Amino acid sequence: MIRGIASPERIMEVKIVSYNVNSIRSRLHIVLPWLKANLPDVFCMQETKVEDGIFPVEVFSELGYLVSFRGDKRYNGVAIASRVKPQHVSFGLPDEPPDTDRLAIAQFGDLVIINVYVPQGQEVTRPQFTYKLEWLARLKKYLLNRFNPDQPLVLCGDFNVAPEQIDVHDPKRILGHVSFNPQVWDAYQSVLSWGLTDVFRYHHPDKPEQYTFFDYRVRDSVKRKLGWRVDHILATHALAASSTGCAIDLDTRLADKPSDHAVIYATWERILR
């Protein structure tokens, strides 16, 4: 579902955002003020948890954003809000099951933005974990078959993968979790090997305690820095090298009635036509 606004010939001074909202209708009190204050060009959302027919399109339109989305009333859901109209939007992987509520692709001139909500996996002994590994392999195949690592492309979202020891607060205890183990690391690195750079780590290669997810069940998890970095903004190498910054906004996790994730965003002074 796509609602339109006018499209300029090029995007300049771009800010691209990823946010697992954990129900968009429950998080509008955070999302709308953030949009007003920061004016991102592209705002990618995951786990929107709303049927397409009742997605809150109007509140985004009032702020000058077009929004494209696929979702379900209880699970998953992806959306891309943008200040300019994409030339093309599609959803899902090309093979079965397409999982249209887990992947959205928007084309802005030469720039491609892919927004993903990778399966969590539940337990390493369960079929859902195998599906997660297969899903990442399918994503890699999709990149290989459809895109070129020399083109400007951003792949962002909730990957449900903390790729390094520095990306979790207690790596020894957490090792073996569905989002922190050798199998999922290999699957994630295979996606990166297509030709992608982790934009956050490009700017903060050794910075510890930088997390995007904080479990609701852990008391004062943000203040105690008990988190995971599982939300990522990846970009093709040349595009990542031209970025001017990447940051996590912890205020979004400390807000009243927050998502269990925080906003992560990357910036560019100029981004192609």
C-alpha atoms as a PDB file:
ATOM      1  CA  MET A   1       0.000   0.000   0.000  1.00  0.00           C
ATOM      2  CA  ILE A   2       1.530   3.310  -1.098  1.00  0.00           C
ATOM      3  CA  ARG A   3       0.372   6.875  -0.528  1.00  0.00           C
ATOM      4  CA  GLY A   4       2.252   9.514  -2.549  1.00  0.00           C
ATOM      5  CA  ILE A   5       3.873  12.919  -2.397  1.00  0.00           C
ATOM      6  CA  ALA A   6       6.009  14.739  -4.940  1.00  0.00           C
ATOM      7  CA  SER A   7       9.448  13.383  -5.822  1.00  0.00           C
ATOM      8  CA  PRO A   8      12.524  15.597  -6.403  1.00  0.00           C
ATOM      9  CA  GLU A   9      15.308  14.607  -8.779  1.00  0.00           C
ATOM     10  CA  ARG A  10      17.855  13.959  -6.057  1.00  0.00           C
ATOM     11  CA  ILE A  11      18.116  13.406  -2.322  1.00  0.00           C
ATOM     12  CA  MET A  12      20.645  15.517  -0.410  1.00  0.00           C
ATOM     13  CA  GLU A  13      21.753  15.647   3.238  1.00  0.00           C
ATOM     14  CA  VAL A  14      20.126  12.331   3.916  1.00  0.00           C
ATOM     15  CA  LYS A  15      19.284  10.796   7.286  1.00  0.00           C
ATOM     16  CA  ILE A  16      18.210   7.155   7.172  1.00  0.00           C
ATOM     17  CA  VAL A  17      16.638   5.647  10.283  1.00  0.00           C
ATOM     18  CA  SER A  18      15.794   2.157  11.502  1.00  0.00           C
ATOM     19  CA  TYR A  19      13.431   1.519  14.410  1.00  0.00           C
ATOM     20  CA  ASN A  20      11.756  -1.649  15.647  1.00  0.00           C
ATOM     21  CA  VAL A  21       8.623   0.028  16.956  1.00  0.00           C
ATOM     22  CA  ASN A  22       7.093  -3.110  18.509  1.00  0.00           C
ATOM     23  CA  SER A  23       3.604  -1.951  17.421  1.00  0.00           C
ATOM     24  CA  ILE A  24       3.424   1.304  15.507  1.00  0.00           C
ATOM     25  CA  ARG A  25       0.062   2.337  16.979  1.00  0.00           C
ATOM     26  CA  SER A  26       1.488   1.917  20.498  1.00  0.00           C
ATOM     27  CA  ARG A  27       4.562   3.963  19.627  1.00  0.00           C
ATOM     28  CA  LEU A  28       3.164   6.984  17.788  1.00  0.00           C
ATOM     29  CA  HIS A  29       3.777   9.132  20.877  1.00  0.00           C
ATOM     30  CA  ILE A  30       7.507   8.489  20.290  1.00  0.00           C
ATOM     31  CA  VAL A  31       7.661   8.259  16.497  1.00  0.00           C
ATOM     32  CA  LEU A  32       5.784  11.448  15.597  1.00  0.00           C
ATOM     33  CA  PRO A  33       7.743  13.844  17.859  1.00  0.00           C
ATOM     34  CA  TRP A  34      10.977  12.195  16.705  1.00  0.00           C
ATOM     35  CA  LEU A  35      10.056  12.768  13.074  1.00  0.00           C
ATOM     36  CA  LYS A  36       9.194  16.399  13.771  1.00  0.00           C
ATOM     37  CA  ALA A  37      12.412  17.031  15.658  1.00  0.00           C
ATOM     38  CA  ASN A  38      14.817  15.170  13.359  1.00  0.00           C
ATOM     39  CA  LEU A  39      13.205  15.313   9.893  1.00  0.00           C
ATOM     40  CA  PRO A  40      14.768  12.084   8.597  1.00  0.00           C
ATOM     41  CA  ASP A  41      14.521  11.453   4.880  1.00  0.00           C
ATOM     42  CA  VAL A  42      13.769   7.757   5.256  1.00  0.00           C
ATOM     43  CA  PHE A  43      12.329   6.133   8.381  1.00  0.00           C
ATOM     44  CA  CYS A  44      12.296   2.321   8.302  1.00  0.00           C
ATOM     45  CA  MET A  45      10.109   0.497  10.825  1.00  0.00           C
ATOM     46  CA  GLN A  46       9.907  -3.131  11.845  1.00  0.00           C
ATOM     47  CA  GLU A  47       7.437  -5.162  13.896  1.00  0.00           C
ATOM     48  CA  THR A  48       4.637  -2.716  13.123  1.00  0.00           C
ATOM     49  CA  LYS A  49       1.987  -5.264  14.213  1.00  0.00           C
ATOM     50  CA  VAL A  50      -0.910  -3.730  12.339  1.00  0.00           C
ATOM     51  CA  GLU A  51      -3.105  -4.829   9.453  1.00  0.00           C
ATOM     52  CA  ASP A  52      -2.681  -2.801   6.275  1.00  0.00           C
ATOM     53  CA  GLY A  53      -6.244  -1.511   6.369  1.00  0.00           C
ATOM     54  CA  ILE A  54      -5.739   0.277   9.696  1.00  0.00           C
ATOM     55  CA  PHE A  55      -2.118   1.413   9.381  1.00  0.00           C
ATOM     56  CA  PRO A  56      -2.035   5.039  10.669  1.00  0.00           C
ATOM     57  CA  VAL A  57      -1.238   6.569   7.273  1.00  0.00           C
ATOM     58  CA  GLU A  58      -2.839   9.942   7.983  1.00  0.00           C
ATOM     59  CA  VAL A  59      -0.546  10.929  10.856  1.00  0.00           C
ATOM     60  CA  PHE A  60       2.505  10.349   8.651  1.00  0.00           C
ATOM     61  CA  SER A  61       0.923  12.234   5.759  1.00  0.00           C
ATOM     62  CA  GLU A  62       0.262  15.215   8.032  1.00  0.00           C
ATOM     63  CA  LEU A  63       4.021  15.419   8.642  1.00  0.00           C
ATOM     64  CA  GLY A  64       4.815  15.216   4.921  1.00  0.00           C
ATOM     65  CA  TYR A  65       5.740  11.539   4.806  1.00  0.00           C
ATOM     66  CA  LEU A  66       4.682   8.929   2.311  1.00  0.00           C
ATOM     67  CA  VAL A  67       4.489   5.500   3.932  1.00  0.00           C
ATOM     68  CA  SER A  68       4.619   2.046   2.321  1.00  0.00           C
ATOM     69  CA  PHE A  69       3.852  -1.005   4.433  1.00  0.00           C
ATOM     70  CA  ARG A  70       2.894  -4.638   4.843  1.00  0.00           C
ATOM     71  CA  GLY A  71       1.742  -6.072   8.129  1.00  0.00           C
ATOM     72  CA  ASP A  72      -0.389  -8.319  10.272  1.00  0.00           C
ATOM     73  CA  LYS A  73      -2.450  -7.472  13.334  1.00  0.00           C
ATOM     74  CA  ARG A  74      -0.320  -9.516  15.747  1.00  0.00           C
ATOM     75  CA  TYR A  75       3.125 -10.221  14.334  1.00  0.00           C
ATOM     76  CA  ASN A  76       5.883  -8.838  12.139  1.00  0.00           C
ATOM     77  CA  GLY A  77       5.211  -5.937   9.792  1.00  0.00           C
ATOM     78  CA  VAL A  78       7.560  -3.566   7.943  1.00  0.00           C
ATOM     79  CA  ALA A  79       7.091   0.000   6.763  1.00  0.00           C
ATOM     80  CA  ILE A  80       9.150   2.680   5.026  1.00  0.00           C
ATOM     81  CA  ALA A  81       8.205   6.317   5.524  1.00  0.00           C
ATOM     82  CA  SER A  82       9.942   8.842   3.285  1.00  0.00           C
ATOM     83  CA  ARG A  83       9.846  12.544   2.516  1.00  0.00           C
ATOM     84  CA  VAL A  84      10.118  11.859  -1.214  1.00  0.00           C
ATOM     85  CA  LYS A  85       8.253   9.387  -3.360  1.00  0.00           C
ATOM     86  CA  PRO A  86      10.175   6.220  -4.244  1.00  0.00           C
ATOM     87  CA  GLN A  87      10.165   5.214  -7.893  1.00  0.00           C
ATOM     88  CA  HIS A  88       9.364   1.652  -6.917  1.00  0.00           C
ATOM     89  CA  VAL A  89       8.360  -0.253  -3.784  1.00  0.00           C
ATOM     90  CA  SER A  90       8.072  -4.010  -3.325  1.00  0.00           C
ATOM     91  CA  PHE A  91       7.754  -6.464  -0.474  1.00  0.00           C
ATOM     92  CA  GLY A  92       9.104  -9.896   0.317  1.00  0.00           C
ATOM     93  CA  LEU A  93      11.692 -12.321  -0.960  1.00  0.00           C
ATOM     94  CA  PRO A  94      11.255 -13.742  -4.469  1.00  0.00           C
ATOM     95  CA  ASP A  95      10.933 -17.390  -3.374  1.00  0.00           C
ATOM     96  CA  GLU A  96       8.532 -19.157  -1.027  1.00  0.00           C
ATOM     97  CA  PRO A  97       7.490 -18.140   1.519  1.00  0.00           C
ATOM     98  CA  PRO A  98       7.944 -14.526   0.452  1.00  0.00           C
ATOM     99  CA  ASP A  99       7.447 -13.111   3.964  1.00  0.00           C
ATOM    100  CA  THR A 100       6.131  -9.807   2.641  1.00  0.00           C
ATOM    101  CA  ASP A 101       5.724  -8.574   6.224  1.00  0.00           C
ATOM    102  CA  ARG A 102       9.468  -9.021   6.866  1.00  0.00           C
ATOM    103  CA  LEU A 103      11.117  -7.236   3.931  1.00  0.00           C
ATOM    104  CA  ALA A 104      10.405  -3.962   2.103  1.00  0.00           C
ATOM    105  CA  ILE A 105      12.409  -2.496  -0.773  1.00  0.00           C
ATOM    106  CA  ALA A 106      12.207   1.114  -1.925  1.00  0.00           C
ATOM    107  CA  GLN A 107      14.074   2.673  -4.862  1.00  0.00           C
ATOM    108  CA  PHE A 108      14.935   6.386  -4.809  1.00  0.00           C
ATOM    109  CA  GLY A 109      16.662   7.090  -8.105  1.00  0.00           C
ATOM    110  CA  ASP A 110      19.927   5.127  -7.928  1.00  0.00           C
ATOM    111  CA  LEU A 111      19.578   4.503  -4.205  1.00  0.00           C
ATOM    112  CA  VAL A 112      18.016   1.250  -2.965  1.00  0.00           C
ATOM    113  CA  ILE A 113      16.819   0.887   0.609  1.00  0.00           C
ATOM    114  CA  ILE A 114      15.966  -2.543   1.967  1.00  0.00           C
ATOM    115  CA  ASN A 115      14.215  -2.761   5.324  1.00  0.00           C
ATOM    116  CA  VAL A 116      14.222  -6.164   7.060  1.00  0.00           C
ATOM    117  CA  TYR A 117      12.811  -7.827  10.128  1.00  0.00           C
ATOM    118  CA  VAL A 118      14.813 -11.051  10.359  1.00  0.00           C
ATOM    119  CA  PRO A 119      13.161 -13.957  12.241  1.00  0.00           C
ATOM    120  CA  GLN A 120      14.238 -14.176  15.876  1.00  0.00           C
ATOM    121  CA  GLY A 121      14.609 -17.962  15.943  1.00  0.00           C
ATOM    122  CA  GLN A 122      13.158 -18.788  19.374  1.00  0.00           C
ATOM    123  CA  GLU A 123      15.545 -21.617  20.390  1.00  0.00           C
ATOM    124  CA  VAL A 124      18.549 -23.126  18.612  1.00  0.00           C
ATOM    125  CA  THR A 125      16.979 -26.586  18.840  1.00  0.00           C
ATOM    126  CA  ARG A 126      13.712 -25.531  17.214  1.00  0.00           C
ATOM    127  CA  PRO A 127      12.743 -25.319  13.520  1.00  0.00           C
ATOM    128  CA  GLN A 128      12.377 -21.554  13.842  1.00  0.00           C
ATOM    129  CA  PHE A 129      16.140 -21.206  14.276  1.00  0.00           C
ATOM    130  CA  THR A 130      16.808 -23.230  11.137  1.00  0.00           C
ATOM    131  CA  TYR A 131      14.319 -20.974   9.362  1.00  0.00           C
ATOM    132  CA  LYS A 132      16.230 -17.922  10.583  1.00  0.00           C
ATOM    133  CA  LEU A 133      19.501 -19.244   9.140  1.00  0.00           C
ATOM    134  CA  GLU A 134      17.751 -20.129   5.888  1.00  0.00           C
ATOM    135  CA  TRP A 135      16.141 -16.676   5.785  1.00  0.00           C
ATOM    136  CA  LEU A 136      19.531 -14.967   5.993  1.00  0.00           C
ATOM    137  CA  ALA A 137      20.827 -17.283   3.250  1.00  0.00           C
ATOM    138  CA  ARG A 138      17.821 -16.363   1.099  1.00  0.00           C
ATOM    139  CA  LEU A 139      18.535 -12.687   1.734  1.00  0.00           C
ATOM    140  CA  LYS A 140      22.124 -13.185   0.542  1.00  0.00           C
ATOM    141  CA  LYS A 141      20.871 -14.969  -2.576  1.00  0.00           C
ATOM    142  CA  TYR A 142      18.423 -12.133  -3.218  1.00  0.00           C
ATOM    143  CA  LEU A 143      21.234  -9.581  -3.061  1.00  0.00           C
ATOM    144  CA  LEU A 144      23.377 -11.677  -5.403  1.00  0.00           C
ATOM    145  CA  ASN A 145      20.628 -12.119  -7.970  1.00  0.00           C
ATOM    146  CA  ARG A 146      19.002  -8.697  -7.892  1.00  0.00           C
ATOM    147  CA  PHE A 147      21.585  -6.066  -6.960  1.00  0.00           C
ATOM    148  CA  ASN A 148      25.202  -5.035  -7.470  1.00  0.00           C
ATOM    149  CA  PRO A 149      27.595  -4.200  -4.591  1.00  0.00           C
ATOM    150  CA  ASP A 150      28.873  -1.259  -6.649  1.00  0.00           C
ATOM    151  CA  GLN A 151      25.494   0.457  -6.512  1.00  0.00           C
ATOM    152  CA  PRO A 152      24.345   2.662  -3.615  1.00  0.00           C
ATOM    153  CA  LEU A 153      22.310   0.374  -1.368  1.00  0.00           C
ATOM    154  CA  VAL A 154      21.321   0.482   2.303  1.00  0.00           C
ATOM    155  CA  LEU A 155      20.154  -2.646   4.086  1.00  0.00           C
ATOM    156  CA  CYS A 156      18.781  -1.881   7.528  1.00  0.00           C
ATOM    157  CA  GLY A 157      16.473  -3.206  10.193  1.00  0.00           C
ATOM    158  CA  ASP A 158      16.210  -5.602  13.092  1.00  0.00           C
ATOM    159  CA  PHE A 159      18.509  -8.478  12.159  1.00  0.00           C
ATOM    160  CA  ASN A 160      18.137 -10.274  15.481  1.00  0.00           C
ATOM    161  CA  VAL A 161      21.918 -10.793  15.359  1.00  0.00           C
ATOM    162  CA  ALA A 162      24.529  -9.335  17.692  1.00  0.00           C
ATOM    163  CA  PRO A 163      27.565  -9.929  15.462  1.00  0.00           C
ATOM    164  CA  GLU A 164      30.492  -9.352  17.857  1.00  0.00           C
ATOM    165  CA  GLN A 165      31.464  -9.820  21.502  1.00  0.00           C
ATOM    166  CA  ILE A 166      31.304  -6.053  21.925  1.00  0.00           C
ATOM    167  CA  ASP A 167      27.660  -6.066  20.824  1.00  0.00           C
ATOM    168  CA  VAL A 168      26.252  -7.692  23.981  1.00  0.00           C
ATOM    169  CA  HIS A 169      26.636  -6.795  27.632  1.00  0.00           C
ATOM    170  CA  ASP A 170      27.667 -10.276  28.827  1.00  0.00           C
ATOM    171  CA  PRO A 171      29.091 -12.335  25.951  1.00  0.00           C
ATOM    172  CA  LYS A 172      30.105 -15.326  28.062  1.00  0.00           C
ATOM    173  CA  ARG A 173      26.651 -15.789  29.543  1.00  0.00           C
ATOM    174  CA  ILE A 174      24.756 -14.966  26.359  1.00  0.00           C
ATOM    175  CA  LEU A 175      26.826 -17.198  24.056  1.00  0.00           C
ATOM    176  CA  GLY A 176      24.597 -19.818  22.455  1.00  0.00           C
ATOM    177  CA  HIS A 177      21.508 -17.618  22.238  1.00  0.00           C
ATOM    178  CA  VAL A 178      19.700 -17.633  18.871  1.00  0.00           C
ATOM    179  CA  SER A 179      20.996 -14.110  18.247  1.00  0.00           C
ATOM    180  CA  PHE A 180      24.526 -14.703  19.516  1.00  0.00           C
ATOM    181  CA  ASN A 181      26.178 -17.913  18.395  1.00  0.00           C
ATOM    182  CA  PRO A 182      28.588 -19.102  15.689  1.00  0.00           C
ATOM    183  CA  GLN A 183      25.897 -20.330  13.320  1.00  0.00           C
ATOM    184  CA  VAL A 184      24.030 -17.048  13.223  1.00  0.00           C
ATOM    185  CA  TRP A 185      27.295 -15.085  13.049  1.00  0.00           C
ATOM    186  CA  ASP A 186      28.296 -17.055   9.962  1.00  0.00           C
ATOM    187  CA  ALA A 187      24.893 -16.497   8.336  1.00  0.00           C
ATOM    188  CA  TYR A 188      25.034 -12.776   9.045  1.00  0.00           C
ATOM    189  CA  GLN A 189      28.645 -12.419   7.865  1.00  0.00           C
ATOM    190  CA  SER A 190      27.692 -14.187   4.655  1.00  0.00           C
ATOM    191  CA  VAL A 191      25.178 -11.416   3.991  1.00  0.00           C
ATOM    192  CA  LEU A 192      27.841  -8.776   4.663  1.00  0.00           C
ATOM    193  CA  SER A 193      30.305 -10.587   2.402  1.00  0.00           C
ATOM    194  CA  TRP A 194      28.119  -9.697  -0.578  1.00  0.00           C
ATOM    195  CA  GLY A 195      29.602  -6.211  -0.268  1.00  0.00           C
ATOM    196  CA  LEU A 196      28.224  -4.431   2.785  1.00  0.00           C
ATOM    197  CA  THR A 197      29.733  -2.391   5.609  1.00  0.00           C
ATOM    198  CA  ASP A 198      28.270  -2.010   9.099  1.00  0.00           C
ATOM    199  CA  VAL A 199      27.918   1.790   9.141  1.00  0.00           C
ATOM    200  CA  PHE A 200      27.783   2.028  12.939  1.00  0.00           C
ATOM    201  CA  ARG A 201      31.015   0.069  13.365  1.00  0.00           C
ATOM    202  CA  TYR A 202      32.594   2.051  10.521  1.00  0.00           C
ATOM    203  CA  HIS A 203      32.256   5.149  12.698  1.00  0.00           C
ATOM    204  CA  HIS A 204      32.654   3.459  16.115  1.00  0.00           C
ATOM    205  CA  PRO A 205      34.963   0.467  15.556  1.00  0.00           C
ATOM    206  CA  ASP A 206      35.806  -0.216  19.202  1.00  0.00           C
ATOM    207  CA  LYS A 207      33.157   1.655  21.163  1.00  0.00           C
ATOM    208  CA  PRO A 208      31.627  -0.618  23.836  1.00  0.00           C
ATOM    209  CA  GLU A 209      28.174  -0.587  25.415  1.00  0.00           C
ATOM    210  CA  GLN A 210      26.392   0.596  22.283  1.00  0.00           C
ATOM    211  CA  TYR A 211      23.117  -1.282  22.221  1.00  0.00           C
ATOM    212  CA  THR A 212      19.798  -1.009  20.392  1.00  0.00           C
ATOM    213  CA  PHE A 213      17.746  -3.625  22.279  1.00  0.00           C
ATOM    214  CA  PHE A 214      16.998  -3.735  26.001  1.00  0.00           C
ATOM    215  CA  ASP A 215      14.755  -6.483  27.351  1.00  0.00           C
ATOM    216  CA  TYR A 216      11.581  -5.254  29.057  1.00  0.00           C
ATOM    217  CA  ARG A 217      12.041  -8.000  31.658  1.00  0.00           C
ATOM    218  CA  VAL A 218      15.366  -6.627  32.900  1.00  0.00           C
ATOM    219  CA  ARG A 219      14.937  -3.849  35.457  1.00  0.00           C
ATOM    220  CA  ASP A 220      16.591  -0.540  34.504  1.00  0.00           C
ATOM    221  CA  SER A 221      18.272  -2.299  31.587  1.00  0.00           C
ATOM    222  CA  VAL A 222      19.185   0.921  29.747  1.00  0.00           C
ATOM    223  CA  LYS A 223      20.663   2.666  32.785  1.00  0.00           C
ATOM    224  CA  ARG A 224      22.542  -0.519  33.720  1.00  0.00           C
ATOM    225  CA  LYS A 225      23.710  -0.926  30.105  1.00  0.00           C
ATOM    226  CA  LEU A 226      22.332  -4.455  29.829  1.00  0.00           C
ATOM    227  CA  GLY A 227      21.611  -4.511  26.126  1.00  0.00           C
ATOM    228  CA  TRP A 228      22.258  -5.996  22.699  1.00  0.00           C
ATOM    229  CA  ARG A 229      23.127  -4.367  19.360  1.00  0.00           C
ATOM    230  CA  VAL A 230      20.865  -6.278  16.985  1.00  0.00           C
ATOM    231  CA  ASP A 231      19.543  -3.414  14.827  1.00  0.00           C
ATOM    232  CA  HIS A 232      21.898  -2.439  12.036  1.00  0.00           C
ATOM    233  CA  ILE A 233      22.354  -0.046   9.149  1.00  0.00           C
ATOM    234  CA  LEU A 234      24.498  -1.665   6.468  1.00  0.00           C
ATOM    235  CA  ALA A 235      25.562   0.002   3.236  1.00  0.00           C
ATOM    236  CA  THR A 236      27.564  -0.911   0.183  1.00  0.00           C
ATOM    237  CA  HIS A 237      31.217  -0.080   0.768  1.00  0.00           C
ATOM    238  CA  ALA A 238      31.475   3.187  -1.145  1.00  0.00           C
ATOM    239  CA  LEU A 239      28.223   4.455   0.307  1.00  0.00           C
ATOM    240  CA  ALA A 240      29.286   3.575   3.848  1.00  0.00           C
ATOM    241  CA  ALA A 241      32.613   5.343   3.335  1.00  0.00           C
ATOM    242  CA  SER A 242      30.778   8.531   2.334  1.00  0.00           C
ATOM    243  CA  SER A 243      28.549   8.532   5.434  1.00  0.00           C
ATOM    244  CA  THR A 244      29.070  11.310   7.970  1.00  0.00           C
ATOM    245  CA  GLY A 245      27.891   9.500  11.088  1.00  0.00           C
ATOM    246  CA  CYS A 246      25.804   6.781  12.712  1.00  0.00           C
ATOM    247  CA  ALA A 247      24.262   6.874  16.176  1.00  0.00           C
ATOM    248  CA  ILE A 248      21.803   5.211  18.528  1.00  0.00           C
ATOM    249  CA  ASP A 249      19.197   7.421  20.188  1.00  0.00           C
ATOM    250  CA  LEU A 250      18.736   5.933  23.657  1.00  0.00           C
ATOM    251  CA  ASP A 251      16.150   8.568  24.542  1.00  0.00           C
ATOM    252  CA  THR A 252      13.672   6.640  22.408  1.00  0.00           C
ATOM    253  CA  ARG A 253      14.151   3.601  24.676  1.00  0.00           C
ATOM    254  CA  LEU A 254      13.913   5.733  27.837  1.00  0.00           C
ATOM    255  CA  ALA A 255      10.657   7.383  26.781  1.00  0.00           C
ATOM    256  CA  ASP A 256       7.310   6.621  28.397  1.00  0.00           C
ATOM    257  CA  LYS A 257       5.890   3.292  27.209  1.00  0.00           C
ATOM    258  CA  PRO A 258       8.790   2.636  24.807  1.00  0.00           C
ATOM    259  CA  SER A 259       9.570  -0.106  22.367  1.00  0.00           C
ATOM    260  CA  ASP A 260      12.190  -2.526  23.646  1.00  0.00           C
ATOM    261  CA  HIS A 261      14.413  -1.195  20.827  1.00  0.00           C
ATOM    262  CA  ALA A 262      16.017   2.197  20.284  1.00  0.00           C
ATOM    263  CA  VAL A 263      16.264   4.249  17.106  1.00  0.00           C
ATOM    264  CA  ILE A 264      19.477   3.916  15.095  1.00  0.00           C
ATOM    265  CA  TYR A 265      20.265   6.348  12.278  1.00  0.00           C
ATOM    266  CA  ALA A 266      22.993   7.160   9.761  1.00  0.00           C
ATOM    267  CA  THR A 267      23.692  10.399   7.914  1.00  0.00           C
ATOM    268  CA  TRP A 268      25.151  11.496   4.594  1.00  0.00           C
ATOM    269  CA  GLU A 269      25.857  15.001   3.340  1.00  0.00           C
ATOM    270  CA  ARG A 270      24.807  13.968  -0.123  1.00  0.00           C
ATOM    271  CA  ILE A 271      23.498  10.762  -1.589  1.00  0.00           C
ATOM    272  CA  LEU A 272      23.490  10.418  -5.384  1.00  0.00           C
ATOM    273  CA  ARG A 273      20.631  11.170  -7.706  1.00  0.00           C
END
